Amino acid sequence: MTSAASASSTERFNGTERYVATDELKLAVNAALQLQRPLLIKGEPGTGKTMLAEEVAAALGRPLLQWHIKSTTKAHQGLYEYDAVSRLRDSQLGDEKVRDIRNYIVQGVLWQAFESDTPVVVLIDEIDKADIEFPNDLLRELDRMEFHVYETRQTIKAKHRPLIIITSNNEKDLPDAFLRRCFFHYINFPDRATLQAIVDVHYPGIREDVLSAALDTFFSLRDAPGLKKKPSTSEFLDWLHLLLNDGVPAESVKRTNGELPVMAGALLKNEQDLTLLQRLAAMTRGAPRH
C-alpha cells in the first residue's frame, strides 16, 4: 500500500467549528478519502461548496490548492502551460535563458499537487462553467495520477494522491464517464434548524427574536412562487450582518402583508424578483378581509 493510500485510510473529516456539515456530507468526504476518488459536490449557489474544500483542508491539516474555472479555462491549464510568446520575445532580445525550455513551462494546480511532498486538497471550483469536454480531458490524469510534458519529455507522477473536491452549480450536465469516477454528493438547502446552527457559528449570542423574525422572512421569500433566483445561505448571512450592524429590531425585520424586507438588496438580486414581490404584496393588501 502506498503512503498516499495509507494516509487516506486513516484520515477522517468530522466537520469544523466554522463549518456546519451534515452527517451525510461528512460521510461523502470520508468516502472520497477511502475510495481515493474525486468528490463531486453540487448544490445551489451560496450553500458552502467552496468553503467545504477550505474547511476539509484545514481539518485534515493539508495545504489547499484552488483552481477556479472560467468559461475559457482549458483542462491542460491545470497541468501546465508553455509560454511560447515569452520565449520568442526573449530570443529576440538575446536572453540566454531561452536555451532551457523549462524556463517557459508554467506549472498548473495539478502539477503542484502531484509534486507536493505532502498530500494536499485540490479544489476544482465550478467545473460546469467550462466547455463540455473539459471534464473528459482530465479523466486520464485523474485516473492515473500522472501526465506527460511534451516540451520537456518528462512524466510527472503524483507523490501522494490528492483529495480532489470538484464543485458544480448544475448549470450543465457533466459527462457520464466523468461522473463514474467521482463520489457524488448534493448539498440540500439547509432547513431552518441547520440554518440556525450556521448562524450560531457566525453570530453567537444573537437575539432570539431577531433571528426568529429573520428566519421567518427569509424562508417566506424562498417560498414565494415564481422567483427567478431564490436567496442563498451566504446572502442570508450578509443580510443578517446588516440587520445586526444597524440594530434593526425584530418588529422591523418581520415581513408583513408580503412587503419587501428591510435592505432587500442583500437578498434579492434582480429587478424581476423585486417587481414580482411588489405585485404580490399589492395583491395581498388589496385582498378583501373576511
Protein backbone atom coordinates (compact mmCIF):
# COMPACT_ATOMS: atom_id res chain seq x y z
CA MET A 1 0.00 0.00 0.00
CA THR A 2 1.36 3.43 -0.92
CA SER A 3 1.85 6.21 1.60
CA ALA A 4 -0.96 8.10 -0.10
CA ALA A 5 -3.33 5.18 0.33
CA SER A 6 -2.41 4.62 3.97
CA ALA A 7 -2.87 8.31 4.77
CA SER A 8 -6.30 8.32 3.17
CA SER A 9 -7.38 5.21 5.07
CA THR A 10 -6.69 6.82 8.45
CA GLU A 11 -7.84 10.39 7.80
CA ARG A 12 -11.40 11.38 8.61
CA PHE A 13 -13.35 14.62 8.30
CA ASN A 14 -15.62 15.35 11.25
CA GLY A 15 -16.54 18.95 10.46
CA THR A 16 -15.02 22.08 11.97
CA GLU A 17 -16.06 24.79 14.37
CA ARG A 18 -16.54 27.21 11.45
CA TYR A 19 -18.44 24.88 9.10
CA VAL A 20 -21.71 23.11 9.89
CA ALA A 21 -21.53 19.83 7.98
CA THR A 22 -24.40 17.36 7.95
CA ASP A 23 -23.72 13.70 8.70
CA GLU A 24 -24.33 12.91 5.02
CA LEU A 25 -21.75 15.48 3.90
CA LYS A 26 -19.13 14.19 6.35
CA LEU A 27 -19.84 10.67 5.09
CA ALA A 28 -19.31 11.83 1.48
CA VAL A 29 -15.94 13.43 2.26
CA ASN A 30 -14.74 10.35 4.11
CA ALA A 31 -15.96 8.06 1.35
CA ALA A 32 -13.93 10.04 -1.20
CA LEU A 33 -10.90 9.71 1.07
CA GLN A 34 -11.39 5.97 1.41
CA LEU A 35 -12.06 5.35 -2.28
CA GLN A 36 -9.36 7.81 -3.36
CA ARG A 37 -11.76 9.28 -5.89
CA PRO A 38 -12.67 12.90 -6.63
CA LEU A 39 -15.60 14.25 -4.59
CA LEU A 40 -18.15 15.98 -6.80
CA ILE A 41 -20.26 18.46 -4.84
CA LYS A 42 -23.40 20.00 -6.31
CA GLY A 43 -25.93 22.37 -4.79
CA GLU A 44 -27.46 25.80 -5.08
CA PRO A 45 -25.01 28.72 -5.26
CA GLY A 46 -24.22 30.02 -1.80
CA THR A 47 -24.60 26.71 0.05
CA GLY A 48 -20.94 26.48 1.09
CA LYS A 49 -19.47 24.23 -1.60
CA THR A 50 -16.25 26.20 -2.00
CA MET A 51 -15.90 26.74 1.74
CA LEU A 52 -16.18 22.97 2.22
CA ALA A 53 -12.83 22.45 0.48
CA GLU A 54 -11.22 25.11 2.67
CA GLU A 55 -12.54 23.52 5.85
CA VAL A 56 -11.67 19.96 4.81
CA ALA A 57 -8.09 21.06 4.11
CA ALA A 58 -7.90 22.81 7.48
CA ALA A 59 -9.39 19.83 9.34
CA LEU A 60 -7.02 17.34 7.69
CA GLY A 61 -4.01 19.62 8.07
CA ARG A 62 -3.39 19.64 4.32
CA PRO A 63 -2.42 22.51 2.04
CA LEU A 64 -5.24 23.70 -0.25
CA LEU A 65 -4.66 24.36 -3.95
CA GLN A 66 -7.52 26.12 -5.73
CA TRP A 67 -8.38 26.09 -9.42
CA HIS A 68 -11.30 28.42 -10.17
CA ILE A 69 -12.81 27.53 -13.54
CA LYS A 70 -13.96 30.09 -16.11
CA SER A 71 -15.75 29.66 -19.42
CA THR A 72 -12.42 29.96 -21.23
CA THR A 73 -10.49 27.52 -19.00
CA LYS A 74 -8.93 24.52 -20.71
CA ALA A 75 -8.03 21.26 -18.98
CA HIS A 76 -4.34 21.44 -19.88
CA GLN A 77 -4.03 24.67 -17.84
CA GLY A 78 -4.45 22.60 -14.70
CA LEU A 79 -1.40 20.59 -15.74
CA TYR A 80 0.91 23.21 -17.23
CA GLU A 81 1.19 25.93 -19.86
CA TYR A 82 4.04 26.59 -22.27
CA ASP A 83 4.70 30.33 -22.64
CA ALA A 84 5.88 30.40 -26.26
CA VAL A 85 5.31 34.15 -26.57
CA SER A 86 7.75 34.98 -23.77
CA ARG A 87 10.32 32.59 -25.20
CA LEU A 88 10.05 34.23 -28.63
CA ARG A 89 10.44 37.70 -27.09
CA ASP A 90 13.46 36.63 -25.04
CA SER A 91 15.08 35.04 -28.07
CA GLN A 92 14.73 38.32 -29.97
CA LEU A 93 16.41 40.09 -27.05
CA GLY A 94 19.22 37.55 -26.92
CA ASP A 95 18.35 36.31 -23.45
CA GLU A 96 20.39 33.23 -22.50
CA LYS A 97 17.53 31.54 -20.66
CA VAL A 98 15.82 30.69 -23.96
CA ARG A 99 18.23 27.76 -24.23
CA ASP A 100 16.28 25.92 -21.49
CA ILE A 101 12.64 25.43 -22.42
CA ARG A 102 11.83 24.63 -18.80
CA ASN A 103 12.07 28.36 -18.07
CA TYR A 104 8.84 28.79 -20.02
CA ILE A 105 6.82 25.96 -18.51
CA VAL A 106 4.27 27.28 -16.00
CA GLN A 107 3.10 24.64 -13.56
CA GLY A 108 -0.65 24.27 -13.10
CA VAL A 109 -2.51 23.35 -9.93
CA LEU A 110 -2.45 19.60 -10.61
CA TRP A 111 1.31 19.62 -11.30
CA GLN A 112 1.84 21.41 -7.99
CA ALA A 113 -0.41 18.88 -6.23
CA PHE A 114 1.37 15.90 -7.80
CA GLU A 115 4.83 17.14 -6.82
CA SER A 116 3.88 18.19 -3.29
CA ASP A 117 5.88 16.40 -0.60
CA THR A 118 2.71 16.11 1.49
CA PRO A 119 -0.86 15.17 0.49
CA VAL A 120 -2.94 18.20 -0.50
CA VAL A 121 -6.57 19.09 -1.13
CA VAL A 122 -7.30 20.34 -4.64
CA LEU A 123 -10.41 22.43 -5.28
CA ILE A 124 -11.67 22.48 -8.87
CA ASP A 125 -14.32 25.13 -8.44
CA GLU A 126 -17.43 25.44 -10.67
CA ILE A 127 -16.40 22.87 -13.24
CA ASP A 128 -19.70 23.33 -15.09
CA LYS A 129 -18.57 26.79 -16.27
CA ALA A 130 -16.07 25.22 -18.67
CA ASP A 131 -16.61 23.62 -22.06
CA ILE A 132 -18.42 20.27 -22.00
CA GLU A 133 -15.20 18.48 -23.00
CA PHE A 134 -13.27 19.89 -20.03
CA PRO A 135 -14.11 17.05 -17.57
CA ASN A 136 -13.34 14.33 -20.12
CA ASP A 137 -9.99 15.93 -20.90
CA LEU A 138 -8.96 15.37 -17.27
CA LEU A 139 -10.06 11.73 -17.00
CA ARG A 140 -6.71 10.11 -17.79
CA GLU A 141 -4.72 12.38 -15.48
CA LEU A 142 -7.12 11.99 -12.56
CA ASP A 143 -7.21 8.21 -13.02
CA ARG A 144 -3.50 7.57 -13.40
CA MET A 145 -2.26 10.46 -11.26
CA GLU A 146 0.36 11.29 -13.89
CA PHE A 147 0.77 13.25 -17.11
CA HIS A 148 3.38 13.84 -19.79
CA VAL A 149 5.07 17.17 -20.51
CA TYR A 150 5.73 17.03 -24.24
CA GLU A 151 8.02 20.06 -24.39
CA THR A 152 10.49 18.61 -21.85
CA ARG A 153 9.74 14.92 -22.47
CA GLN A 154 9.18 14.22 -18.79
CA THR A 155 6.40 12.40 -16.97
CA ILE A 156 5.03 13.95 -13.79
CA LYS A 157 3.76 11.35 -11.32
CA ALA A 158 1.94 12.11 -8.08
CA LYS A 159 3.99 11.55 -4.94
CA HIS A 160 0.73 11.43 -2.98
CA ARG A 161 -2.81 11.11 -4.29
CA PRO A 162 -4.54 14.44 -3.52
CA LEU A 163 -8.11 14.71 -2.30
CA ILE A 164 -9.82 16.42 -5.21
CA ILE A 165 -13.04 18.31 -4.47
CA ILE A 166 -14.99 19.43 -7.52
CA THR A 167 -17.93 21.83 -7.27
CA SER A 168 -20.76 22.37 -9.72
CA ASN A 169 -23.75 24.71 -9.73
CA ASN A 170 -25.62 22.32 -12.05
CA GLU A 171 -25.52 24.78 -14.94
CA LYS A 172 -24.83 21.94 -17.38
CA ASP A 173 -24.72 18.16 -17.32
CA LEU A 174 -21.35 16.51 -16.82
CA PRO A 175 -20.24 13.52 -18.96
CA ASP A 176 -21.17 10.05 -17.70
CA ALA A 177 -17.59 8.81 -17.97
CA PHE A 178 -16.50 11.60 -15.64
CA LEU A 179 -19.35 11.02 -13.19
CA ARG A 180 -18.48 7.32 -12.90
CA ARG A 181 -15.08 8.25 -11.49
CA CYS A 182 -16.42 10.56 -8.78
CA PHE A 183 -18.15 10.15 -5.44
CA PHE A 184 -21.18 12.43 -5.66
CA HIS A 185 -22.97 14.47 -3.01
CA TYR A 186 -25.70 17.07 -3.36
CA ILE A 187 -25.83 19.71 -0.63
CA ASN A 188 -29.51 20.24 0.06
CA PHE A 189 -30.56 23.73 1.03
CA PRO A 190 -30.41 23.85 4.84
CA ASP A 191 -33.65 23.52 6.77
CA ARG A 192 -34.49 26.00 9.49
CA ALA A 193 -32.67 24.13 12.26
CA THR A 194 -29.49 23.72 10.18
CA LEU A 195 -29.56 27.35 9.09
CA GLN A 196 -29.95 28.40 12.71
CA ALA A 197 -26.89 26.28 13.57
CA ILE A 198 -24.95 28.03 10.78
CA VAL A 199 -25.98 31.41 12.20
CA ASP A 200 -24.83 30.34 15.67
CA VAL A 201 -21.34 29.75 14.23
CA HIS A 202 -21.15 33.18 12.60
CA TYR A 203 -23.15 35.26 15.09
CA PRO A 204 -23.08 33.59 18.51
CA GLY A 205 -25.34 35.21 21.06
CA ILE A 206 -27.69 36.79 18.51
CA ARG A 207 -31.03 37.86 19.98
CA GLU A 208 -33.57 35.08 19.55
CA ASP A 209 -36.41 37.40 18.49
CA VAL A 210 -34.29 38.98 15.73
CA LEU A 211 -33.10 35.60 14.46
CA SER A 212 -36.60 34.14 14.52
CA ALA A 213 -38.01 37.10 12.57
CA ALA A 214 -35.13 36.94 10.09
CA LEU A 215 -35.61 33.21 9.52
CA ASP A 216 -39.37 33.69 9.04
CA THR A 217 -38.80 36.44 6.50
CA PHE A 218 -36.03 34.58 4.68
CA PHE A 219 -37.96 31.34 4.23
CA SER A 220 -41.11 33.22 3.21
CA LEU A 221 -39.07 34.82 0.43
CA ARG A 222 -37.69 31.47 -0.70
CA ASP A 223 -41.24 30.07 -0.75
CA ALA A 224 -42.57 32.93 -2.89
CA PRO A 225 -43.81 31.47 -6.20
CA GLY A 226 -42.04 32.42 -9.41
CA LEU A 227 -38.75 33.76 -8.05
CA LYS A 228 -36.00 33.72 -10.67
CA LYS A 229 -33.26 33.47 -8.02
CA LYS A 230 -34.03 32.34 -4.51
CA PRO A 231 -31.85 33.95 -1.83
CA SER A 232 -28.98 31.75 -0.69
CA THR A 233 -27.39 30.90 2.65
CA SER A 234 -24.49 33.30 2.07
CA GLU A 235 -26.92 36.09 1.17
CA PHE A 236 -28.90 35.41 4.34
CA LEU A 237 -25.72 35.76 6.40
CA ASP A 238 -24.88 39.03 4.63
CA TRP A 239 -28.40 40.32 5.30
CA LEU A 240 -28.21 39.27 8.93
CA HIS A 241 -24.90 41.11 9.28
CA LEU A 242 -26.56 44.31 8.02
CA LEU A 243 -29.51 43.88 10.39
CA LEU A 244 -27.24 43.41 13.38
CA ASN A 245 -24.88 46.21 12.38
CA ASP A 246 -27.79 48.68 12.11
CA GLY A 247 -29.54 47.36 15.22
CA VAL A 248 -32.78 46.68 13.34
CA PRO A 249 -35.43 45.47 15.83
CA ALA A 250 -37.32 42.22 15.32
CA GLU A 251 -40.56 44.10 14.54
CA SER A 252 -38.92 45.77 11.55
CA VAL A 253 -37.40 42.51 10.33
CA LYS A 254 -40.76 40.81 10.07
CA ARG A 255 -42.30 40.73 6.61
CA THR A 256 -45.94 41.76 6.91
CA ASN A 257 -48.55 41.65 4.13
CA GLY A 258 -45.95 40.34 1.71
CA GLU A 259 -43.94 43.58 1.83
CA LEU A 260 -40.30 43.63 0.77
CA PRO A 261 -37.99 43.10 3.73
CA VAL A 262 -35.75 45.86 5.02
CA MET A 263 -32.49 46.04 3.00
CA ALA A 264 -33.95 43.65 0.46
CA GLY A 265 -30.99 44.24 -1.87
CA ALA A 266 -28.94 41.82 0.22
CA LEU A 267 -31.38 39.02 -0.57
CA LEU A 268 -32.91 39.79 -3.96
CA LYS A 269 -30.52 40.34 -6.84
CA ASN A 270 -32.62 41.12 -9.91
CA GLU A 271 -35.41 43.51 -10.83
CA GLN A 272 -37.77 40.73 -11.96
CA ASP A 273 -37.94 39.27 -8.45
CA LEU A 274 -38.33 42.69 -6.85
CA THR A 275 -41.20 43.52 -9.22
CA LEU A 276 -42.82 40.14 -8.64
CA LEU A 277 -42.79 40.52 -4.87
CA GLN A 278 -44.06 44.08 -5.07
CA ARG A 279 -47.01 42.88 -7.17
CA LEU A 280 -47.71 40.02 -4.76
CA ALA A 281 -47.63 42.50 -1.86
CA ALA A 282 -50.07 44.79 -3.67
CA MET A 283 -52.40 41.87 -4.29
CA THR A 284 -52.19 40.88 -0.61
CA ARG A 285 -53.02 44.41 0.53
CA GLY A 286 -55.92 44.62 -1.91
CA ALA A 287 -57.42 41.28 -0.97
CA PRO A 288 -60.78 41.63 0.88
CA ARG A 289 -60.69 40.70 4.55
CA HIS A 290 -63.22 38.23 5.96
